[in-house]
Amino acid sequence: MKTPLKSLKPSMKENKRYLVVGGKVSKENIEKAILEFIGVNGMSKTGLSFIKSENGKMIIAVNREAVDSVRASLCIYREKMEVVNVSGTIKGLGNNSRKT
């Protein structure tokens, strides 16, 4: 009989940060911006995942260590995109009164 896999301890899990990206956002534009700025190896370290898209904004999740490089890559990309808000939880993104 096989034993089920154990889940990871919280200290071993990747810490994610959620970013609200505004402007000319699409999955292709975000991926191209990150690839052009930090390359394939850097993109694999970001742990990029797309959460939700609505009203011309997109919520993406990245590793905590990669937030600065992802923000920089989105800012310098030729298509106009900006990071509106950053939070450790999706619920924390609800209050967009604060700009980061």
PDB file of N, CA and C in Angstrom:
ATOM      1  N   MET A   1       0.827  -1.180   0.000  1.00  0.00           N
ATOM      2  CA  MET A   1       0.000   0.000   0.000  1.00  0.00           C
ATOM      3  C   MET A   1       0.878   1.252   0.000  1.00  0.00           C
ATOM      4  N   LYS A   2       0.537   2.207  -0.851  1.00  0.00           N
ATOM      5  CA  LYS A   2       1.322   3.435  -0.953  1.00  0.00           C
ATOM      6  C   LYS A   2       0.885   4.435   0.114  1.00  0.00           C
ATOM      7  N   THR A   3       1.874   5.144   0.637  1.00  0.00           N
ATOM      8  CA  THR A   3       1.556   6.187   1.606  1.00  0.00           C
ATOM      9  C   THR A   3       1.355   7.497   0.858  1.00  0.00           C
ATOM     10  N   PRO A   4       0.390   8.307   1.265  1.00  0.00           N
ATOM     11  CA  PRO A   4       0.157   9.582   0.577  1.00  0.00           C
ATOM     12  C   PRO A   4       1.310  10.558   0.822  1.00  0.00           C
ATOM     13  N   LEU A   5       1.499  11.457  -0.138  1.00  0.00           N
ATOM     14  CA  LEU A   5       2.542  12.467   0.000  1.00  0.00           C
ATOM     15  C   LEU A   5       2.202  13.436   1.121  1.00  0.00           C
ATOM     16  N   LYS A   6       3.203  13.828   1.853  1.00  0.00           N
ATOM     17  CA  LYS A   6       3.002  14.803   2.915  1.00  0.00           C
ATOM     18  C   LYS A   6       3.021  16.205   2.311  1.00  0.00           C
ATOM     19  N   SER A   7       2.261  17.104   2.908  1.00  0.00           N
ATOM     20  CA  SER A   7       2.267  18.478   2.436  1.00  0.00           C
ATOM     21  C   SER A   7       3.508  19.192   2.961  1.00  0.00           C
ATOM     22  N   LEU A   8       3.869  20.269   2.270  1.00  0.00           N
ATOM     23  CA  LEU A   8       5.045  21.039   2.664  1.00  0.00           C
ATOM     24  C   LEU A   8       4.780  21.836   3.936  1.00  0.00           C
ATOM     25  N   LYS A   9       5.820  22.020   4.706  1.00  0.00           N
ATOM     26  CA  LYS A   9       5.724  22.892   5.869  1.00  0.00           C
ATOM     27  C   LYS A   9       5.597  24.333   5.380  1.00  0.00           C
ATOM     28  N   PRO A  10       4.939  25.192   6.140  1.00  0.00           N
ATOM     29  CA  PRO A  10       4.797  26.583   5.715  1.00  0.00           C
ATOM     30  C   PRO A  10       6.129  27.280   5.452  1.00  0.00           C
ATOM     31  N   SER A  11       7.165  26.917   6.170  1.00  0.00           N
ATOM     32  CA  SER A  11       8.463  27.559   5.967  1.00  0.00           C
ATOM     33  C   SER A  11       9.119  27.139   4.656  1.00  0.00           C
ATOM     34  N   MET A  12       8.667  26.045   4.063  1.00  0.00           N
ATOM     35  CA  MET A  12       9.239  25.557   2.815  1.00  0.00           C
ATOM     36  C   MET A  12       8.490  26.064   1.584  1.00  0.00           C
ATOM     37  N   LYS A  13       7.303  26.617   1.769  1.00  0.00           N
ATOM     38  CA  LYS A  13       6.508  27.104   0.646  1.00  0.00           C
ATOM     39  C   LYS A  13       7.059  28.433   0.148  1.00  0.00           C
ATOM     40  N   GLU A  14       6.807  28.711  -1.148  1.00  0.00           N
ATOM     41  CA  GLU A  14       7.224  29.986  -1.718  1.00  0.00           C
ATOM     42  C   GLU A  14       6.291  31.084  -1.220  1.00  0.00           C
ATOM     43  N   ASN A  15       6.862  32.206  -0.841  1.00  0.00           N
ATOM     44  CA  ASN A  15       6.060  33.345  -0.412  1.00  0.00           C
ATOM     45  C   ASN A  15       5.678  34.152  -1.641  1.00  0.00           C
ATOM     46  N   LYS A  16       4.385  34.329  -1.857  1.00  0.00           N
ATOM     47  CA  LYS A  16       3.886  35.038  -3.026  1.00  0.00           C
ATOM     48  C   LYS A  16       3.507  36.466  -2.663  1.00  0.00           C
ATOM     49  N   ARG A  17       3.610  37.341  -3.641  1.00  0.00           N
ATOM     50  CA  ARG A  17       3.089  38.695  -3.550  1.00  0.00           C
ATOM     51  C   ARG A  17       2.181  38.889  -4.747  1.00  0.00           C
ATOM     52  N   TYR A  18       1.093  39.599  -4.536  1.00  0.00           N
ATOM     53  CA  TYR A  18       0.103  39.820  -5.579  1.00  0.00           C
ATOM     54  C   TYR A  18       0.211  41.256  -6.061  1.00  0.00           C
ATOM     55  N   LEU A  19       0.258  41.434  -7.385  1.00  0.00           N
ATOM     56  CA  LEU A  19       0.411  42.745  -7.994  1.00  0.00           C
ATOM     57  C   LEU A  19      -0.802  43.040  -8.860  1.00  0.00           C
ATOM     58  N   VAL A  20      -1.324  44.264  -8.767  1.00  0.00           N
ATOM     59  CA  VAL A  20      -2.358  44.735  -9.678  1.00  0.00           C
ATOM     60  C   VAL A  20      -1.642  45.534 -10.752  1.00  0.00           C
ATOM     61  N   VAL A  21      -1.783  45.097 -11.999  1.00  0.00           N
ATOM     62  CA  VAL A  21      -1.115  45.747 -13.120  1.00  0.00           C
ATOM     63  C   VAL A  21      -2.176  46.430 -13.967  1.00  0.00           C
ATOM     64  N   GLY A  22      -1.973  47.721 -14.251  1.00  0.00           N
ATOM     65  CA  GLY A  22      -2.895  48.479 -15.072  1.00  0.00           C
ATOM     66  C   GLY A  22      -2.239  48.923 -16.361  1.00  0.00           C
ATOM     67  N   GLY A  23      -3.044  49.444 -17.276  1.00  0.00           N
ATOM     68  CA  GLY A  23      -2.526  49.899 -18.567  1.00  0.00           C
ATOM     69  C   GLY A  23      -2.906  48.917 -19.659  1.00  0.00           C
ATOM     70  N   LYS A  24      -2.019  48.765 -20.636  1.00  0.00           N
ATOM     71  CA  LYS A  24      -2.261  47.839 -21.750  1.00  0.00           C
ATOM     72  C   LYS A  24      -1.830  46.438 -21.337  1.00  0.00           C
ATOM     73  N   VAL A  25      -2.628  45.824 -20.478  1.00  0.00           N
ATOM     74  CA  VAL A  25      -2.241  44.527 -19.923  1.00  0.00           C
ATOM     75  C   VAL A  25      -2.829  43.385 -20.733  1.00  0.00           C
ATOM     76  N   SER A  26      -2.008  42.395 -20.964  1.00  0.00           N
ATOM     77  CA  SER A  26      -2.408  41.103 -21.511  1.00  0.00           C
ATOM     78  C   SER A  26      -1.359  40.107 -21.049  1.00  0.00           C
ATOM     79  N   LYS A  27      -1.707  38.849 -21.078  1.00  0.00           N
ATOM     80  CA  LYS A  27      -0.745  37.832 -20.648  1.00  0.00           C
ATOM     81  C   LYS A  27       0.516  37.897 -21.497  1.00  0.00           C
ATOM     82  N   GLU A  28       0.332  38.104 -22.802  1.00  0.00           N
ATOM     83  CA  GLU A  28       1.476  38.146 -23.712  1.00  0.00           C
ATOM     84  C   GLU A  28       2.387  39.327 -23.402  1.00  0.00           C
ATOM     85  N   ASN A  29       1.800  40.505 -23.165  1.00  0.00           N
ATOM     86  CA  ASN A  29       2.610  41.693 -22.869  1.00  0.00           C
ATOM     87  C   ASN A  29       3.405  41.529 -21.581  1.00  0.00           C
ATOM     88  N   ILE A  30       2.783  40.982 -20.553  1.00  0.00           N
ATOM     89  CA  ILE A  30       3.472  40.802 -19.276  1.00  0.00           C
ATOM     90  C   ILE A  30       4.601  39.790 -19.417  1.00  0.00           C
ATOM     91  N   GLU A  31       4.330  38.679 -20.105  1.00  0.00           N
ATOM     92  CA  GLU A  31       5.377  37.671 -20.303  1.00  0.00           C
ATOM     93  C   GLU A  31       6.539  38.224 -21.123  1.00  0.00           C
ATOM     94  N   LYS A  32       6.234  38.963 -22.198  1.00  0.00           N
ATOM     95  CA  LYS A  32       7.292  39.541 -23.036  1.00  0.00           C
ATOM     96  C   LYS A  32       8.120  40.554 -22.259  1.00  0.00           C
ATOM     97  N   ALA A  33       7.468  41.374 -21.446  1.00  0.00           N
ATOM     98  CA  ALA A  33       8.189  42.381 -20.665  1.00  0.00           C
ATOM     99  C   ALA A  33       9.182  41.726 -19.718  1.00  0.00           C
ATOM    100  N   ILE A  34       8.755  40.683 -19.037  1.00  0.00           N
ATOM    101  CA  ILE A  34       9.643  40.003 -18.088  1.00  0.00           C
ATOM    102  C   ILE A  34      10.755  39.272 -18.822  1.00  0.00           C
ATOM    103  N   LEU A  35      10.424  38.618 -19.939  1.00  0.00           N
ATOM    104  CA  LEU A  35      11.447  37.908 -20.711  1.00  0.00           C
ATOM    105  C   LEU A  35      12.514  38.855 -21.241  1.00  0.00           C
ATOM    106  N   GLU A  36      12.103  40.023 -21.747  1.00  0.00           N
ATOM    107  CA  GLU A  36      13.069  40.979 -22.296  1.00  0.00           C
ATOM    108  C   GLU A  36      13.982  41.550 -21.225  1.00  0.00           C
ATOM    109  N   PHE A  37      13.459  41.743 -20.029  1.00  0.00           N
ATOM    110  CA  PHE A  37      14.246  42.401 -18.983  1.00  0.00           C
ATOM    111  C   PHE A  37      15.120  41.429 -18.195  1.00  0.00           C
ATOM    112  N   ILE A  38      14.575  40.296 -17.761  1.00  0.00           N
ATOM    113  CA  ILE A  38      15.358  39.391 -16.910  1.00  0.00           C
ATOM    114  C   ILE A  38      15.617  38.029 -17.531  1.00  0.00           C
ATOM    115  N   GLY A  39      15.091  37.755 -18.719  1.00  0.00           N
ATOM    116  CA  GLY A  39      15.399  36.526 -19.430  1.00  0.00           C
ATOM    117  C   GLY A  39      14.618  35.314 -18.940  1.00  0.00           C
ATOM    118  N   VAL A  40      14.915  34.187 -19.575  1.00  0.00           N
ATOM    119  CA  VAL A  40      14.192  32.949 -19.285  1.00  0.00           C
ATOM    120  C   VAL A  40      14.499  32.452 -17.877  1.00  0.00           C
ATOM    121  N   ASN A  41      15.764  32.480 -17.502  1.00  0.00           N
ATOM    122  CA  ASN A  41      16.147  32.009 -16.167  1.00  0.00           C
ATOM    123  C   ASN A  41      15.500  32.870 -15.080  1.00  0.00           C
ATOM    124  N   GLY A  42      15.515  34.180 -15.260  1.00  0.00           N
ATOM    125  CA  GLY A  42      14.888  35.072 -14.291  1.00  0.00           C
ATOM    126  C   GLY A  42      13.387  34.893 -14.226  1.00  0.00           C
ATOM    127  N   MET A  43      12.772  34.637 -15.392  1.00  0.00           N
ATOM    128  CA  MET A  43      11.324  34.447 -15.410  1.00  0.00           C
ATOM    129  C   MET A  43      10.936  33.174 -14.670  1.00  0.00           C
ATOM    130  N   SER A  44      11.769  32.151 -14.768  1.00  0.00           N
ATOM    131  CA  SER A  44      11.454  30.917 -14.046  1.00  0.00           C
ATOM    132  C   SER A  44      11.545  31.129 -12.537  1.00  0.00           C
ATOM    133  N   LYS A  45      12.407  32.027 -12.099  1.00  0.00           N
ATOM    134  CA  LYS A  45      12.542  32.309 -10.670  1.00  0.00           C
ATOM    135  C   LYS A  45      11.410  33.185 -10.133  1.00  0.00           C
ATOM    136  N   THR A  46      10.706  33.890 -11.024  1.00  0.00           N
ATOM    137  CA  THR A  46       9.613  34.746 -10.561  1.00  0.00           C
ATOM    138  C   THR A  46       8.398  33.945 -10.124  1.00  0.00           C
ATOM    139  N   GLY A  47       8.202  32.755 -10.681  1.00  0.00           N
ATOM    140  CA  GLY A  47       7.018  31.962 -10.336  1.00  0.00           C
ATOM    141  C   GLY A  47       5.743  32.659 -10.756  1.00  0.00           C
ATOM    142  N   LEU A  48       5.751  33.278 -11.921  1.00  0.00           N
ATOM    143  CA  LEU A  48       4.635  34.080 -12.407  1.00  0.00           C
ATOM    144  C   LEU A  48       3.383  33.236 -12.602  1.00  0.00           C
ATOM    145  N   SER A  49       2.265  33.732 -12.090  1.00  0.00           N
ATOM    146  CA  SER A  49       0.966  33.118 -12.371  1.00  0.00           C
ATOM    147  C   SER A  49      -0.077  34.224 -12.471  1.00  0.00           C
ATOM    148  N   PHE A  50      -1.028  34.015 -13.365  1.00  0.00           N
ATOM    149  CA  PHE A  50      -2.079  34.994 -13.613  1.00  0.00           C
ATOM    150  C   PHE A  50      -3.312  34.599 -12.813  1.00  0.00           C
ATOM    151  N   ILE A  51      -3.817  35.545 -12.016  1.00  0.00           N
ATOM    152  CA  ILE A  51      -4.926  35.250 -11.116  1.00  0.00           C
ATOM    153  C   ILE A  51      -6.264  35.680 -11.714  1.00  0.00           C
ATOM    154  N   LYS A  52      -6.391  36.965 -12.050  1.00  0.00           N
ATOM    155  CA  LYS A  52      -7.679  37.484 -12.505  1.00  0.00           C
ATOM    156  C   LYS A  52      -7.459  38.700 -13.390  1.00  0.00           C
ATOM    157  N   SER A  53      -8.367  38.908 -14.347  1.00  0.00           N
ATOM    158  CA  SER A  53      -8.299  40.075 -15.216  1.00  0.00           C
ATOM    159  C   SER A  53      -9.694  40.667 -15.357  1.00  0.00           C
ATOM    160  N   GLU A  54      -9.813  41.971 -15.067  1.00  0.00           N
ATOM    161  CA  GLU A  54     -11.090  42.657 -15.236  1.00  0.00           C
ATOM    162  C   GLU A  54     -10.873  44.160 -15.243  1.00  0.00           C
ATOM    163  N   ASN A  55     -11.740  44.869 -15.957  1.00  0.00           N
ATOM    164  CA  ASN A  55     -11.731  46.334 -16.013  1.00  0.00           C
ATOM    165  C   ASN A  55     -10.374  46.910 -16.403  1.00  0.00           C
ATOM    166  N   GLY A  56      -9.683  46.294 -17.345  1.00  0.00           N
ATOM    167  CA  GLY A  56      -8.397  46.812 -17.800  1.00  0.00           C
ATOM    168  C   GLY A  56      -7.259  46.629 -16.818  1.00  0.00           C
ATOM    169  N   LYS A  57      -7.469  45.818 -15.785  1.00  0.00           N
ATOM    170  CA  LYS A  57      -6.417  45.532 -14.806  1.00  0.00           C
ATOM    171  C   LYS A  57      -6.271  44.021 -14.670  1.00  0.00           C
ATOM    172  N   MET A  58      -5.085  43.605 -14.287  1.00  0.00           N
ATOM    173  CA  MET A  58      -4.820  42.178 -14.119  1.00  0.00           C
ATOM    174  C   MET A  58      -4.113  41.953 -12.797  1.00  0.00           C
ATOM    175  N   ILE A  59      -4.484  40.887 -12.104  1.00  0.00           N
ATOM    176  CA  ILE A  59      -3.812  40.503 -10.866  1.00  0.00           C
ATOM    177  C   ILE A  59      -2.873  39.354 -11.196  1.00  0.00           C
ATOM    178  N   ILE A  60      -1.587  39.536 -10.859  1.00  0.00           N
ATOM    179  CA  ILE A  60      -0.602  38.480 -11.064  1.00  0.00           C
ATOM    180  C   ILE A  60       0.046  38.145  -9.726  1.00  0.00           C
ATOM    181  N   ALA A  61       0.573  36.945  -9.620  1.00  0.00           N
ATOM    182  CA  ALA A  61       1.277  36.508  -8.414  1.00  0.00           C
ATOM    183  C   ALA A  61       2.720  36.209  -8.782  1.00  0.00           C
ATOM    184  N   VAL A  62       3.658  36.699  -7.967  1.00  0.00           N
ATOM    185  CA  VAL A  62       5.083  36.436  -8.179  1.00  0.00           C
ATOM    186  C   VAL A  62       5.720  36.103  -6.835  1.00  0.00           C
ATOM    187  N   ASN A  63       6.899  35.505  -6.883  1.00  0.00           N
ATOM    188  CA  ASN A  63       7.640  35.223  -5.658  1.00  0.00           C
ATOM    189  C   ASN A  63       8.058  36.528  -4.997  1.00  0.00           C
ATOM    190  N   ARG A  64       8.153  36.505  -3.690  1.00  0.00           N
ATOM    191  CA  ARG A  64       8.488  37.706  -2.929  1.00  0.00           C
ATOM    192  C   ARG A  64       9.818  38.311  -3.361  1.00  0.00           C
ATOM    193  N   GLU A  65      10.808  37.462  -3.646  1.00  0.00           N
ATOM    194  CA  GLU A  65      12.140  37.950  -4.007  1.00  0.00           C
ATOM    195  C   GLU A  65      12.165  38.609  -5.381  1.00  0.00           C
ATOM    196  N   ALA A  66      11.171  38.345  -6.234  1.00  0.00           N
ATOM    197  CA  ALA A  66      11.189  38.831  -7.608  1.00  0.00           C
ATOM    198  C   ALA A  66      10.322  40.066  -7.830  1.00  0.00           C
ATOM    199  N   VAL A  67       9.711  40.606  -6.798  1.00  0.00           N
ATOM    200  CA  VAL A  67       8.784  41.728  -6.968  1.00  0.00           C
ATOM    201  C   VAL A  67       9.478  42.931  -7.600  1.00  0.00           C
ATOM    202  N   ASP A  68      10.656  43.284  -7.128  1.00  0.00           N
ATOM    203  CA  ASP A  68      11.343  44.466  -7.654  1.00  0.00           C
ATOM    204  C   ASP A  68      11.705  44.310  -9.123  1.00  0.00           C
ATOM    205  N   SER A  69      12.201  43.151  -9.522  1.00  0.00           N
ATOM    206  CA  SER A  69      12.582  42.959 -10.918  1.00  0.00           C
ATOM    207  C   SER A  69      11.355  42.905 -11.830  1.00  0.00           C
ATOM    208  N   VAL A  70      10.245  42.355 -11.362  1.00  0.00           N
ATOM    209  CA  VAL A  70       9.021  42.331 -12.162  1.00  0.00           C
ATOM    210  C   VAL A  70       8.477  43.745 -12.327  1.00  0.00           C
ATOM    211  N   ARG A  71       8.489  44.530 -11.256  1.00  0.00           N
ATOM    212  CA  ARG A  71       8.028  45.925 -11.350  1.00  0.00           C
ATOM    213  C   ARG A  71       8.866  46.713 -12.345  1.00  0.00           C
ATOM    214  N   ALA A  72      10.186  46.527 -12.289  1.00  0.00           N
ATOM    215  CA  ALA A  72      11.075  47.240 -13.203  1.00  0.00           C
ATOM    216  C   ALA A  72      10.830  46.817 -14.645  1.00  0.00           C
ATOM    217  N   SER A  73      10.645  45.531 -14.877  1.00  0.00           N
ATOM    218  CA  SER A  73      10.438  45.057 -16.245  1.00  0.00           C
ATOM    219  C   SER A  73       9.122  45.570 -16.824  1.00  0.00           C
ATOM    220  N   LEU A  74       8.083  45.685 -16.009  1.00  0.00           N
ATOM    221  CA  LEU A  74       6.809  46.206 -16.498  1.00  0.00           C
ATOM    222  C   LEU A  74       6.894  47.699 -16.783  1.00  0.00           C
ATOM    223  N   CYS A  75       7.682  48.426 -16.002  1.00  0.00           N
ATOM    224  CA  CYS A  75       7.795  49.875 -16.182  1.00  0.00           C
ATOM    225  C   CYS A  75       8.561  50.249 -17.448  1.00  0.00           C
ATOM    226  N   ILE A  76       9.576  49.467 -17.801  1.00  0.00           N
ATOM    227  CA  ILE A  76      10.392  49.856 -18.954  1.00  0.00           C
ATOM    228  C   ILE A  76       9.932  49.221 -20.264  1.00  0.00           C
ATOM    229  N   TYR A  77       8.892  48.408 -20.242  1.00  0.00           N
ATOM    230  CA  TYR A  77       8.397  47.779 -21.467  1.00  0.00           C
ATOM    231  C   TYR A  77       7.737  48.827 -22.350  1.00  0.00           C
ATOM    232  N   ARG A  78       7.814  48.636 -23.663  1.00  0.00           N
ATOM    233  CA  ARG A  78       7.326  49.644 -24.613  1.00  0.00           C
ATOM    234  C   ARG A  78       5.815  49.859 -24.545  1.00  0.00           C
ATOM    235  N   GLU A  79       5.052  48.832 -24.200  1.00  0.00           N
ATOM    236  CA  GLU A  79       3.610  49.003 -23.989  1.00  0.00           C
ATOM    237  C   GLU A  79       3.414  49.578 -22.591  1.00  0.00           C
ATOM    238  N   LYS A  80       2.588  50.589 -22.459  1.00  0.00           N
ATOM    239  CA  LYS A  80       2.421  51.289 -21.182  1.00  0.00           C
ATOM    240  C   LYS A  80       1.697  50.413 -20.165  1.00  0.00           C
ATOM    241  N   MET A  81       2.449  49.991 -19.124  1.00  0.00           N
ATOM    242  CA  MET A  81       1.878  49.224 -18.015  1.00  0.00           C
ATOM    243  C   MET A  81       2.446  49.787 -16.721  1.00  0.00           C
ATOM    244  N   GLU A  82       1.663  49.696 -15.657  1.00  0.00           N
ATOM    245  CA  GLU A  82       2.140  50.152 -14.357  1.00  0.00           C
ATOM    246  C   GLU A  82       1.607  49.236 -13.260  1.00  0.00           C
ATOM    247  N   VAL A  83       2.374  49.131 -12.189  1.00  0.00           N
ATOM    248  CA  VAL A  83       1.942  48.365 -11.024  1.00  0.00           C
ATOM    249  C   VAL A  83       1.163  49.316 -10.132  1.00  0.00           C
ATOM    250  N   VAL A  84      -0.123  49.030  -9.950  1.00  0.00           N
ATOM    251  CA  VAL A  84      -1.005  49.903  -9.181  1.00  0.00           C
ATOM    252  C   VAL A  84      -0.887  49.630  -7.688  1.00  0.00           C
ATOM    253  N   ASN A  85      -0.802  48.344  -7.318  1.00  0.00           N
ATOM    254  CA  ASN A  85      -0.803  47.983  -5.906  1.00  0.00           C
ATOM    255  C   ASN A  85      -0.088  46.648  -5.725  1.00  0.00           C
ATOM    256  N   VAL A  86       0.533  46.460  -4.565  1.00  0.00           N
ATOM    257  CA  VAL A  86       1.197  45.205  -4.213  1.00  0.00           C
ATOM    258  C   VAL A  86       0.716  44.796  -2.828  1.00  0.00           C
ATOM    259  N   SER A  87       0.433  43.489  -2.662  1.00  0.00           N
ATOM    260  CA  SER A  87      -0.023  43.011  -1.363  1.00  0.00           C
ATOM    261  C   SER A  87       0.396  41.561  -1.169  1.00  0.00           C
ATOM    262  N   GLY A  88       0.394  41.131   0.071  1.00  0.00           N
ATOM    263  CA  GLY A  88       0.700  39.749   0.394  1.00  0.00           C
ATOM    264  C   GLY A  88      -0.507  38.840   0.289  1.00  0.00           C
ATOM    265  N   THR A  89      -1.710  39.430   0.197  1.00  0.00           N
ATOM    266  CA  THR A  89      -2.937  38.647   0.044  1.00  0.00           C
ATOM    267  C   THR A  89      -3.793  39.270  -1.045  1.00  0.00           C
ATOM    268  N   ILE A  90      -4.632  38.467  -1.656  1.00  0.00           N
ATOM    269  CA  ILE A  90      -5.534  38.989  -2.685  1.00  0.00           C
ATOM    270  C   ILE A  90      -6.557  39.917  -2.047  1.00  0.00           C
ATOM    271  N   LYS A  91      -7.005  39.580  -0.863  1.00  0.00           N
ATOM    272  CA  LYS A  91      -7.976  40.413  -0.155  1.00  0.00           C
ATOM    273  C   LYS A  91      -7.403  41.806   0.125  1.00  0.00           C
ATOM    274  N   GLY A  92      -6.111  41.883   0.380  1.00  0.00           N
ATOM    275  CA  GLY A  92      -5.462  43.160   0.644  1.00  0.00           C
ATOM    276  C   GLY A  92      -5.390  44.075  -0.562  1.00  0.00           C
ATOM    277  N   LEU A  93      -5.610  43.544  -1.760  1.00  0.00           N
ATOM    278  CA  LEU A  93      -5.591  44.363  -2.966  1.00  0.00           C
ATOM    279  C   LEU A  93      -6.884  45.137  -3.154  1.00  0.00           C
ATOM    280  N   GLY A  94      -7.911  44.812  -2.393  1.00  0.00           N
ATOM    281  CA  GLY A  94      -9.212  45.450  -2.546  1.00  0.00           C
ATOM    282  C   GLY A  94      -9.185  46.938  -2.314  1.00  0.00           C
ATOM    283  N   ASN A  95      -8.313  47.421  -1.446  1.00  0.00           N
ATOM    284  CA  ASN A  95      -8.214  48.843  -1.144  1.00  0.00           C
ATOM    285  C   ASN A  95      -7.184  49.473  -2.073  1.00  0.00           C
ATOM    286  N   ASN A  96      -7.654  50.058  -3.194  1.00  0.00           N
ATOM    287  CA  ASN A  96      -6.745  50.659  -4.164  1.00  0.00           C
ATOM    288  C   ASN A  96      -6.553  52.152  -3.935  1.00  0.00           C
ATOM    289  N   SER A  97      -6.894  52.656  -2.752  1.00  0.00           N
ATOM    290  CA  SER A  97      -6.731  54.078  -2.473  1.00  0.00           C
ATOM    291  C   SER A  97      -5.261  54.453  -2.359  1.00  0.00           C
ATOM    292  N   ARG A  98      -4.421  53.484  -2.080  1.00  0.00           N
ATOM    293  CA  ARG A  98      -2.999  53.706  -1.870  1.00  0.00           C
ATOM    294  C   ARG A  98      -2.239  53.300  -3.120  1.00  0.00           C
ATOM    295  N   LYS A  99      -1.352  54.164  -3.588  1.00  0.00           N
ATOM    296  CA  LYS A  99      -0.510  53.822  -4.736  1.00  0.00           C
ATOM    297  C   LYS A  99       0.862  53.458  -4.252  1.00  0.00           C
ATOM    298  N   THR A 100       1.448  52.385  -4.841  1.00  0.00           N
ATOM    299  CA  THR A 100       2.807  51.997  -4.473  1.00  0.00           C
ATOM    300  C   THR A 100       3.726  52.168  -5.637  1.00  0.00           C
TER     301      THR A 100
END
